[in-house]
Amino acid sequence: MTMVNAFDPTKAIGFAAEEAALIERRRRVLGPAYRLFYAHPVHVVRGEGVWLYGPDGTAYLDAYNNVASVGHCHPHVVAALARQAGTLNTHTRYVTDGILDYAERLVATMPAEIANIMFTCTGSEANDLALRVAKAATRGTGVIVTENAYHGVTDVLAQMSPSLGAGAPIAATVRVVPAPVTGDESGERFALGVKAAIADMAAHGIRPSALLVDTIFSSDGVFVDPPGFLRPAVEAIRAAGGLFIADEVQPGFGRTGAGLWGFARHGVVPDLVTMGKPMGDGHPMAAMAARPEHLEAFGREVRYFNTFGGNPVSCAVGMAVLDVIEQEDLVANAREVGAALKQGLQGLGDRRIGEVRGAGLFIGADIIDAKGAPDAAMAAAIVNGLRERQVLISATGLHGHSLKIRPPMVFSHENAELLVERLKATLASL
């Protein structure tokens, strides 16, 4: 499977000499496995709010990076990081206050049943830890994921991330199910796939340990409605003795505009919750939250340690991010600006834009041909056309035809209007 929106170095024609030299230098020192975005890669040297800036001062509207959840280089976050870095940074085997203050504040945002939290550095580590906990709690090994899911880059997670393609084959204990689709019966249809996967595991002597889903189904194309459609699938995995792991690395921290967590839209309480990227606004930090009863077997059998997970600097950064989300009312902003942006995309009335799906500032828009079929080539042309107009988005989905729009949560109505205006111009040019 080809990476959606990847730079093809064989088609790098007409680049400035300095730019071409930089790309070649990157290839030479970083090796062949890394990929760049866009037909014409973007060189950035600084960021501020919703903007990324090139070396010549060109400003790019960032409508893609949820990593910088509260905006690139937010002053409050940067100040917290610098202050703590100048005071103390160490591991979690000493008693420190910061990790406890942050853990208590973070757990307070969860349902009451979820009372423990463990810190890591990346979402991949958090998902890996959650799988270890699930296997210890259930004594099962089987995991169910969706057909174009992405859950991480470790060896274990790559084997349950179908979006990585044939180079990362799915593990024998993993079952892949169709992603949900929009509609009143989506929950039952999704649950049928989960039940079929459970039955197939049983036929092969595999005990299920977990259903692992990104609660906004980002890599599958962004599927969000109707709220509550996850419940039947969660009930199915629990009836089979497995746990529900909510991967909140992408939808978490208010992005959906309906509270801090994507799973809340579905009226379910997960057994384990993983989070990452947005919790540090660009600083590498992640975590796994859990119902205490599920941690008992793991904690009894395993001595867990993560050198940098939960260090004082990371915890100070995490606290500052929560400050900004609360003080700037970013959950409401995501809800209101996201609704306006979704309406603006639908209002373009272009036949090439099919279904537009979204919750808050996380939107997927299908690009289709004249017969209504997925049009990945047109989606890529739109993404690259917007890049040439200094707006950054990407594409996703099983067929690579869904525009993926996921800006920092400080995105304003004016930013949304600019995105729609430049998308209209891009469509007109194709």
Protein backbone atom coordinates (compact mmCIF):
# COMPACT_ATOMS: atom_id res chain seq x y z
CA MET A 1 0.00 0.00 0.00
CA THR A 2 1.40 3.37 -1.05
CA MET A 3 1.53 6.07 1.62
CA VAL A 4 -1.17 8.65 0.95
CA ASN A 5 0.25 12.04 -0.02
CA ALA A 6 3.88 10.91 -0.10
CA PHE A 7 6.64 12.79 -1.90
CA ASP A 8 8.01 10.89 -4.91
CA PRO A 9 11.70 11.79 -5.34
CA THR A 10 11.68 10.48 -8.93
CA LYS A 11 9.34 13.34 -9.83
CA ALA A 12 11.28 16.12 -8.15
CA ILE A 13 11.59 18.39 -11.17
CA GLY A 14 12.12 22.13 -11.08
CA PHE A 15 13.19 22.37 -7.45
CA ALA A 16 15.62 25.13 -6.49
CA ALA A 17 19.19 23.86 -6.12
CA GLU A 18 19.30 24.57 -2.38
CA GLU A 19 15.98 22.80 -1.83
CA ALA A 20 17.00 19.75 -3.86
CA ALA A 21 20.30 19.58 -1.95
CA LEU A 22 18.46 19.63 1.38
CA ILE A 23 16.18 16.76 0.33
CA GLU A 24 19.17 14.75 -0.90
CA ARG A 25 21.05 15.45 2.33
CA ARG A 26 18.04 14.16 4.26
CA ARG A 27 17.94 10.98 2.16
CA ARG A 28 21.66 10.42 2.63
CA VAL A 29 21.77 10.80 6.40
CA LEU A 30 18.30 9.59 7.48
CA GLY A 31 18.08 6.65 5.10
CA PRO A 32 15.29 5.35 2.86
CA ALA A 33 12.50 4.51 5.32
CA TYR A 34 11.41 8.08 6.10
CA ARG A 35 8.78 9.77 3.90
CA LEU A 36 8.04 13.41 3.17
CA PHE A 37 4.58 14.89 2.57
CA TYR A 38 3.44 16.54 -0.67
CA ALA A 39 4.59 16.42 -4.29
CA HIS A 40 6.62 19.50 -3.37
CA PRO A 41 7.79 19.03 0.27
CA VAL A 42 7.35 21.90 2.69
CA HIS A 43 10.44 23.29 4.41
CA VAL A 44 9.49 24.88 7.76
CA VAL A 45 11.66 26.73 10.24
CA ARG A 46 9.22 27.93 12.90
CA GLY A 47 5.61 27.75 14.03
CA GLU A 48 3.19 30.01 15.86
CA GLY A 49 -0.46 29.27 16.59
CA VAL A 50 -2.04 27.79 13.46
CA TRP A 51 0.82 28.89 11.19
CA LEU A 52 4.02 27.26 10.00
CA TYR A 53 6.68 29.42 8.34
CA GLY A 54 9.17 28.64 5.62
CA PRO A 55 12.73 29.99 5.51
CA ASP A 56 11.61 32.81 3.21
CA GLY A 57 8.81 33.81 5.59
CA THR A 58 6.00 32.12 3.64
CA ALA A 59 3.13 31.39 6.04
CA TYR A 60 1.32 28.06 5.74
CA LEU A 61 -2.08 27.58 7.38
CA ASP A 62 -1.70 24.35 9.33
CA ALA A 63 -4.97 22.42 9.08
CA TYR A 64 -3.41 19.06 9.77
CA ASN A 65 -1.29 18.92 12.93
CA ASN A 66 -3.18 17.84 16.01
CA VAL A 67 0.21 17.31 17.65
CA ALA A 68 0.33 21.05 18.28
CA SER A 69 -3.10 20.79 19.88
CA VAL A 70 -3.21 24.23 21.50
CA GLY A 71 -1.18 25.87 18.73
CA HIS A 72 2.46 25.79 17.72
CA CYS A 73 4.78 27.11 20.44
CA HIS A 74 2.03 28.30 22.76
CA PRO A 75 3.72 30.80 25.16
CA HIS A 76 2.18 29.28 28.30
CA VAL A 77 3.37 25.79 27.37
CA VAL A 78 6.83 26.96 26.34
CA ALA A 79 7.22 28.90 29.60
CA ALA A 80 6.19 25.89 31.68
CA LEU A 81 8.66 23.67 29.84
CA ALA A 82 11.54 26.11 30.24
CA ARG A 83 10.79 26.79 33.90
CA GLN A 84 10.72 23.11 34.85
CA ALA A 85 13.72 22.24 32.66
CA GLY A 86 15.67 24.83 34.61
CA THR A 87 14.60 23.33 37.94
CA LEU A 88 14.51 19.53 37.80
CA ASN A 89 14.14 16.69 35.34
CA THR A 90 14.50 13.07 36.42
CA HIS A 91 12.78 9.68 36.30
CA THR A 92 9.78 8.31 38.21
CA ARG A 93 11.71 6.26 40.78
CA TYR A 94 12.10 9.31 42.96
CA VAL A 95 9.16 10.93 44.74
CA THR A 96 8.17 14.15 42.96
CA ASP A 97 5.02 16.27 43.17
CA GLY A 98 4.50 17.11 39.51
CA ILE A 99 3.63 13.63 38.30
CA LEU A 100 1.04 13.24 41.08
CA ASP A 101 -0.54 16.65 40.44
CA TYR A 102 -0.78 15.93 36.72
CA ALA A 103 -1.99 12.35 37.12
CA GLU A 104 -4.76 13.42 39.51
CA ARG A 105 -5.84 16.22 37.18
CA LEU A 106 -5.85 13.95 34.14
CA VAL A 107 -7.71 11.10 35.85
CA ALA A 108 -10.33 13.62 37.03
CA THR A 109 -11.28 14.16 33.36
CA MET A 110 -12.12 10.45 32.99
CA PRO A 111 -15.18 8.45 34.11
CA ALA A 112 -14.98 7.48 37.79
CA GLU A 113 -14.26 3.84 36.90
CA ILE A 114 -10.87 4.84 35.43
CA ALA A 115 -8.59 5.69 38.33
CA ASN A 116 -5.01 4.73 37.40
CA ILE A 117 -2.62 6.21 34.88
CA MET A 118 0.84 5.21 33.65
CA PHE A 119 3.06 7.51 31.60
CA THR A 120 5.06 6.80 28.46
CA CYS A 121 6.73 8.95 25.81
CA THR A 122 4.79 8.02 22.67
CA GLY A 123 1.37 6.78 21.64
CA SER A 124 3.00 3.61 20.33
CA GLU A 125 4.41 2.92 23.79
CA ALA A 126 1.03 3.64 25.37
CA ASN A 127 -0.77 1.23 23.03
CA ASP A 128 1.92 -1.40 23.56
CA LEU A 129 1.52 -1.08 27.33
CA ALA A 130 -2.28 -1.29 27.06
CA LEU A 131 -1.99 -4.52 25.08
CA ARG A 132 0.33 -5.99 27.70
CA VAL A 133 -2.13 -5.06 30.44
CA ALA A 134 -5.07 -6.49 28.47
CA LYS A 135 -3.26 -9.78 27.87
CA ALA A 136 -2.33 -10.07 31.55
CA ALA A 137 -5.89 -9.30 32.65
CA THR A 138 -7.65 -11.64 30.21
CA ARG A 139 -5.00 -14.31 29.59
CA GLY A 140 -5.93 -13.86 25.93
CA THR A 141 -3.78 -12.91 22.95
CA GLY A 142 -6.28 -12.01 20.23
CA VAL A 143 -6.75 -8.38 19.19
CA ILE A 144 -9.39 -6.88 16.87
CA VAL A 145 -8.67 -3.72 14.84
CA THR A 146 -10.28 -1.99 11.86
CA GLU A 147 -9.29 -2.57 8.25
CA ASN A 148 -7.18 0.57 7.76
CA ALA A 149 -6.23 1.24 11.37
CA TYR A 150 -3.00 2.79 12.55
CA HIS A 151 -1.96 2.22 16.18
CA GLY A 152 1.82 2.59 16.29
CA VAL A 153 5.30 1.84 15.02
CA THR A 154 6.62 -0.83 17.38
CA ASP A 155 6.91 -4.36 16.01
CA VAL A 156 3.77 -5.41 17.90
CA LEU A 157 1.72 -2.36 16.90
CA ALA A 158 2.85 -2.45 13.27
CA GLN A 159 1.36 -5.94 13.09
CA MET A 160 -2.03 -4.50 13.99
CA SER A 161 -1.82 -1.34 11.86
CA PRO A 162 -3.14 -2.37 8.41
CA SER A 163 -2.65 1.16 7.07
CA LEU A 164 1.11 0.55 7.04
CA GLY A 165 0.60 -1.82 4.12
CA ALA A 166 2.10 -5.12 3.01
CA GLY A 167 5.49 -4.29 4.50
CA ALA A 168 3.96 -4.74 7.95
CA PRO A 169 1.94 -7.99 7.75
CA ILE A 170 -0.86 -8.52 10.26
CA ALA A 171 -0.07 -10.88 13.15
CA ALA A 172 -1.70 -14.32 13.31
CA THR A 173 -3.53 -13.40 16.52
CA VAL A 174 -4.97 -10.17 15.06
CA ARG A 175 -8.33 -9.97 13.27
CA VAL A 176 -9.23 -7.08 10.99
CA VAL A 177 -12.85 -5.91 10.70
CA PRO A 178 -14.55 -3.38 8.39
CA ALA A 179 -14.64 0.14 9.75
CA PRO A 180 -18.06 1.53 10.68
CA VAL A 181 -19.92 3.57 8.09
CA THR A 182 -22.27 6.48 8.61
CA GLY A 183 -25.88 5.44 9.20
CA ASP A 184 -28.44 4.45 11.78
CA GLU A 185 -27.40 0.78 11.62
CA SER A 186 -23.66 1.41 11.73
CA GLY A 187 -23.32 0.20 15.32
CA GLU A 188 -24.95 -3.15 14.68
CA ARG A 189 -23.03 -3.67 11.43
CA PHE A 190 -19.74 -2.88 13.15
CA ALA A 191 -20.62 -5.21 16.03
CA LEU A 192 -21.39 -8.01 13.55
CA GLY A 193 -17.84 -7.70 12.22
CA VAL A 194 -16.44 -7.84 15.75
CA LYS A 195 -18.56 -10.91 16.58
CA ALA A 196 -17.39 -12.64 13.40
CA ALA A 197 -13.77 -11.92 14.36
CA ILE A 198 -14.36 -13.36 17.83
CA ALA A 199 -15.89 -16.49 16.30
CA ASP A 200 -12.94 -16.91 13.95
CA MET A 201 -10.53 -16.57 16.87
CA ALA A 202 -12.43 -19.29 18.72
CA ALA A 203 -12.22 -21.55 15.67
CA HIS A 204 -8.44 -21.15 15.71
CA GLY A 205 -8.03 -21.59 19.47
CA ILE A 206 -7.30 -17.91 20.13
CA ARG A 207 -8.70 -16.24 23.25
CA PRO A 208 -9.58 -12.56 22.67
CA SER A 209 -7.80 -9.95 24.75
CA ALA A 210 -8.96 -6.65 23.28
CA LEU A 211 -10.87 -4.58 20.76
CA LEU A 212 -8.52 -1.70 19.96
CA VAL A 213 -10.01 1.26 18.07
CA ASP A 214 -9.17 4.87 17.44
CA THR A 215 -12.49 6.37 18.57
CA ILE A 216 -12.71 8.70 15.57
CA PHE A 217 -11.50 6.05 13.09
CA SER A 218 -9.06 8.55 11.65
CA SER A 219 -7.06 6.31 9.32
CA ASP A 220 -10.22 4.58 8.14
CA GLY A 221 -11.57 7.88 6.83
CA VAL A 222 -13.04 9.60 9.94
CA PHE A 223 -16.29 7.98 11.08
CA VAL A 224 -18.16 9.70 13.89
CA ASP A 225 -21.92 9.32 13.56
CA PRO A 226 -24.31 8.50 14.97
CA PRO A 227 -22.93 8.98 18.49
CA GLY A 228 -23.20 5.74 20.43
CA PHE A 229 -22.49 3.37 17.55
CA LEU A 230 -19.50 1.86 19.41
CA ARG A 231 -21.61 0.42 22.23
CA PRO A 232 -22.70 -2.88 20.59
CA ALA A 233 -19.10 -3.72 19.62
CA VAL A 234 -17.86 -2.96 23.13
CA GLU A 235 -20.55 -5.20 24.57
CA ALA A 236 -19.52 -7.97 22.15
CA ILE A 237 -15.83 -7.95 23.08
CA ARG A 238 -16.64 -7.92 26.81
CA ALA A 239 -19.07 -10.80 26.42
CA ALA A 240 -16.18 -12.76 24.86
CA GLY A 241 -13.90 -12.00 27.83
CA GLY A 242 -11.89 -9.23 26.17
CA LEU A 243 -11.34 -5.57 27.02
CA PHE A 244 -12.10 -2.38 25.12
CA ILE A 245 -9.06 -0.16 24.51
CA ALA A 246 -9.94 3.37 23.40
CA ASP A 247 -7.06 4.79 21.39
CA GLU A 248 -7.41 8.53 22.02
CA VAL A 249 -4.06 9.53 20.54
CA GLN A 250 -5.80 11.43 17.74
CA PRO A 251 -9.31 12.34 19.02
CA GLY A 252 -8.35 13.03 22.63
CA PHE A 253 -7.93 16.30 24.53
CA GLY A 254 -11.05 18.02 23.25
CA ARG A 255 -10.66 17.74 19.51
CA THR A 256 -14.14 16.30 18.92
CA GLY A 257 -15.77 19.28 20.64
CA ALA A 258 -17.74 17.03 23.01
CA GLY A 259 -15.67 16.84 26.16
CA LEU A 260 -12.05 15.81 26.37
CA TRP A 261 -12.37 12.25 25.05
CA GLY A 262 -13.71 10.74 21.84
CA PHE A 263 -15.17 7.71 23.58
CA ALA A 264 -17.52 9.97 25.58
CA ARG A 265 -19.58 10.60 22.42
CA HIS A 266 -20.49 6.92 22.43
CA GLY A 267 -21.65 6.65 26.03
CA VAL A 268 -19.12 3.94 26.84
CA VAL A 269 -16.51 3.63 29.59
CA PRO A 270 -13.37 1.94 28.23
CA ASP A 271 -11.33 -0.58 30.14
CA LEU A 272 -8.11 1.09 29.02
CA VAL A 273 -7.49 4.48 27.40
CA THR A 274 -4.37 5.47 25.50
CA MET A 275 -3.32 9.00 24.68
CA GLY A 276 -0.34 10.81 23.21
CA LYS A 277 0.60 13.50 20.67
CA PRO A 278 -1.81 16.34 21.63
CA MET A 279 -1.23 16.04 25.37
CA GLY A 280 2.17 17.73 25.04
CA ASP A 281 1.47 20.29 22.27
CA GLY A 282 4.53 19.02 20.43
CA HIS A 283 6.48 17.75 23.44
CA PRO A 284 6.79 13.93 23.29
CA MET A 285 4.59 12.46 25.99
CA ALA A 286 1.85 9.84 26.23
CA ALA A 287 -0.04 7.75 28.75
CA MET A 288 -2.35 4.83 29.42
CA ALA A 289 -5.28 5.17 31.81
CA ALA A 290 -6.97 2.11 33.27
CA ARG A 291 -9.64 0.65 35.46
CA PRO A 292 -7.65 -0.47 38.54
CA GLU A 293 -8.96 -4.04 38.43
CA HIS A 294 -7.34 -4.55 35.04
CA LEU A 295 -3.93 -3.46 36.30
CA GLU A 296 -3.84 -5.92 39.18
CA ALA A 297 -2.46 -8.94 37.30
CA PHE A 298 0.00 -6.85 35.31
CA GLY A 299 1.29 -4.99 38.38
CA ARG A 300 1.62 -8.21 40.33
CA GLU A 301 3.69 -9.90 37.62
CA VAL A 302 5.59 -7.06 35.99
CA ARG A 303 7.87 -4.29 37.26
CA TYR A 304 7.20 -1.47 34.77
CA PHE A 305 9.57 1.41 34.25
CA ASN A 306 9.88 4.11 31.60
CA THR A 307 12.90 6.40 31.98
CA PHE A 308 11.31 9.51 30.48
CA GLY A 309 7.60 8.69 30.83
CA GLY A 310 6.15 11.03 33.46
CA ASN A 311 9.31 13.07 33.97
CA PRO A 312 8.88 16.47 35.68
CA VAL A 313 9.30 18.49 32.48
CA SER A 314 6.69 16.44 30.62
CA CYS A 315 4.25 16.72 33.51
CA ALA A 316 4.71 20.49 33.64
CA VAL A 317 4.03 20.65 29.90
CA GLY A 318 0.94 18.46 30.27
CA MET A 319 -0.42 20.67 33.05
CA ALA A 320 0.14 23.76 30.90
CA VAL A 321 -1.72 22.20 27.97
CA LEU A 322 -4.72 21.47 30.20
CA ASP A 323 -4.52 25.07 31.46
CA VAL A 324 -4.76 26.38 27.90
CA ILE A 325 -7.60 24.06 26.92
CA GLU A 326 -9.60 25.27 29.93
CA GLN A 327 -8.64 28.95 29.91
CA GLU A 328 -9.15 29.43 26.17
CA ASP A 329 -12.30 27.25 26.11
CA LEU A 330 -10.85 25.17 23.28
CA VAL A 331 -13.36 22.32 23.51
CA ALA A 332 -16.16 24.77 22.70
CA ASN A 333 -13.97 26.36 20.03
CA ALA A 334 -13.41 22.97 18.41
CA ARG A 335 -17.16 22.33 18.44
CA GLU A 336 -18.19 25.70 17.03
CA VAL A 337 -15.44 26.28 14.47
CA GLY A 338 -15.53 22.62 13.44
CA ALA A 339 -19.28 22.82 12.76
CA ALA A 340 -18.79 25.97 10.70
CA LEU A 341 -15.92 24.41 8.75
CA LYS A 342 -17.94 21.27 8.03
CA GLN A 343 -20.85 23.39 6.84
CA GLY A 344 -18.50 25.42 4.64
CA LEU A 345 -17.15 22.29 2.98
CA GLN A 346 -20.64 20.95 2.36
CA GLY A 347 -21.71 24.34 1.03
CA LEU A 348 -19.12 24.28 -1.76
CA GLY A 349 -21.55 22.17 -3.78
CA ASP A 350 -18.78 20.61 -5.85
CA ARG A 351 -19.74 17.20 -7.28
CA ARG A 352 -16.25 15.90 -6.47
CA ILE A 353 -16.93 16.28 -2.74
CA GLY A 354 -18.97 13.36 -1.45
CA GLU A 355 -19.83 12.70 2.17
CA VAL A 356 -18.35 15.13 4.69
CA ARG A 357 -17.95 13.64 8.17
CA GLY A 358 -16.65 15.18 11.34
CA ALA A 359 -16.83 15.90 15.03
CA GLY A 360 -15.34 19.16 16.21
CA LEU A 361 -12.07 19.98 14.50
CA PHE A 362 -11.61 16.53 12.99
CA ILE A 363 -13.14 16.27 9.53
CA GLY A 364 -13.01 13.77 6.71
CA ALA A 365 -14.36 14.62 3.25
CA ASP A 366 -14.64 11.98 0.54
CA ILE A 367 -13.47 12.83 -2.96
CA ILE A 368 -15.39 10.95 -5.65
CA ASP A 369 -15.47 10.67 -9.43
CA ALA A 370 -18.45 11.24 -11.74
CA LYS A 371 -19.81 7.78 -10.90
CA GLY A 372 -19.51 8.31 -7.14
CA ALA A 373 -16.50 5.99 -6.77
CA PRO A 374 -13.50 6.86 -4.57
CA ASP A 375 -11.05 9.11 -6.42
CA ALA A 376 -7.68 8.94 -4.68
CA ALA A 377 -5.86 10.68 -7.54
CA MET A 378 -8.16 13.70 -7.28
CA ALA A 379 -7.81 13.72 -3.49
CA ALA A 380 -4.03 13.85 -3.86
CA ALA A 381 -4.34 16.62 -6.45
CA ILE A 382 -6.50 18.64 -4.05
CA VAL A 383 -4.10 18.13 -1.15
CA ASN A 384 -1.17 19.26 -3.28
CA GLY A 385 -3.17 22.11 -4.81
CA LEU A 386 -3.90 23.42 -1.34
CA ARG A 387 -0.24 23.08 -0.41
CA GLU A 388 0.61 25.35 -3.35
CA ARG A 389 -1.91 27.81 -1.88
CA GLN A 390 -0.21 27.59 1.53
CA VAL A 391 -2.83 25.41 3.24
CA LEU A 392 -1.72 22.10 4.71
CA ILE A 393 -4.03 19.08 4.96
CA SER A 394 -3.63 15.41 4.01
CA ALA A 395 -5.69 12.42 2.86
CA THR A 396 -6.63 9.15 4.51
CA GLY A 397 -8.97 6.16 4.30
CA LEU A 398 -8.87 2.66 2.90
CA HIS A 399 -8.91 4.00 -0.67
CA GLY A 400 -6.87 7.13 0.07
CA HIS A 401 -9.69 9.37 -1.13
CA SER A 402 -10.77 11.11 2.09
CA LEU A 403 -9.41 14.57 2.82
CA LYS A 404 -8.14 14.68 6.40
CA ILE A 405 -8.56 18.04 8.12
CA ARG A 406 -7.33 18.23 11.71
CA PRO A 407 -5.92 21.66 12.65
CA PRO A 408 -4.69 22.90 16.02
CA MET A 409 -7.67 23.56 18.27
CA VAL A 410 -7.01 27.31 18.29
CA PHE A 411 -8.26 27.35 14.67
CA SER A 412 -10.58 30.34 14.26
CA HIS A 413 -13.64 31.05 12.12
CA GLU A 414 -11.41 33.24 9.93
CA ASN A 415 -8.97 30.36 9.50
CA ALA A 416 -11.84 28.06 8.52
CA GLU A 417 -13.13 30.56 5.98
CA LEU A 418 -9.66 30.87 4.47
CA LEU A 419 -9.37 27.09 4.15
CA VAL A 420 -12.75 26.84 2.39
CA GLU A 421 -11.90 29.76 0.11
CA ARG A 422 -8.60 28.19 -0.96
CA LEU A 423 -10.19 24.78 -1.38
CA LYS A 424 -12.74 26.38 -3.70
CA ALA A 425 -9.92 27.94 -5.72
CA THR A 426 -8.09 24.62 -5.84
CA LEU A 427 -11.16 22.78 -7.09
CA ALA A 428 -11.69 25.42 -9.74
CA SER A 429 -8.12 24.94 -10.98
CA LEU A 430 -8.37 21.15 -11.40
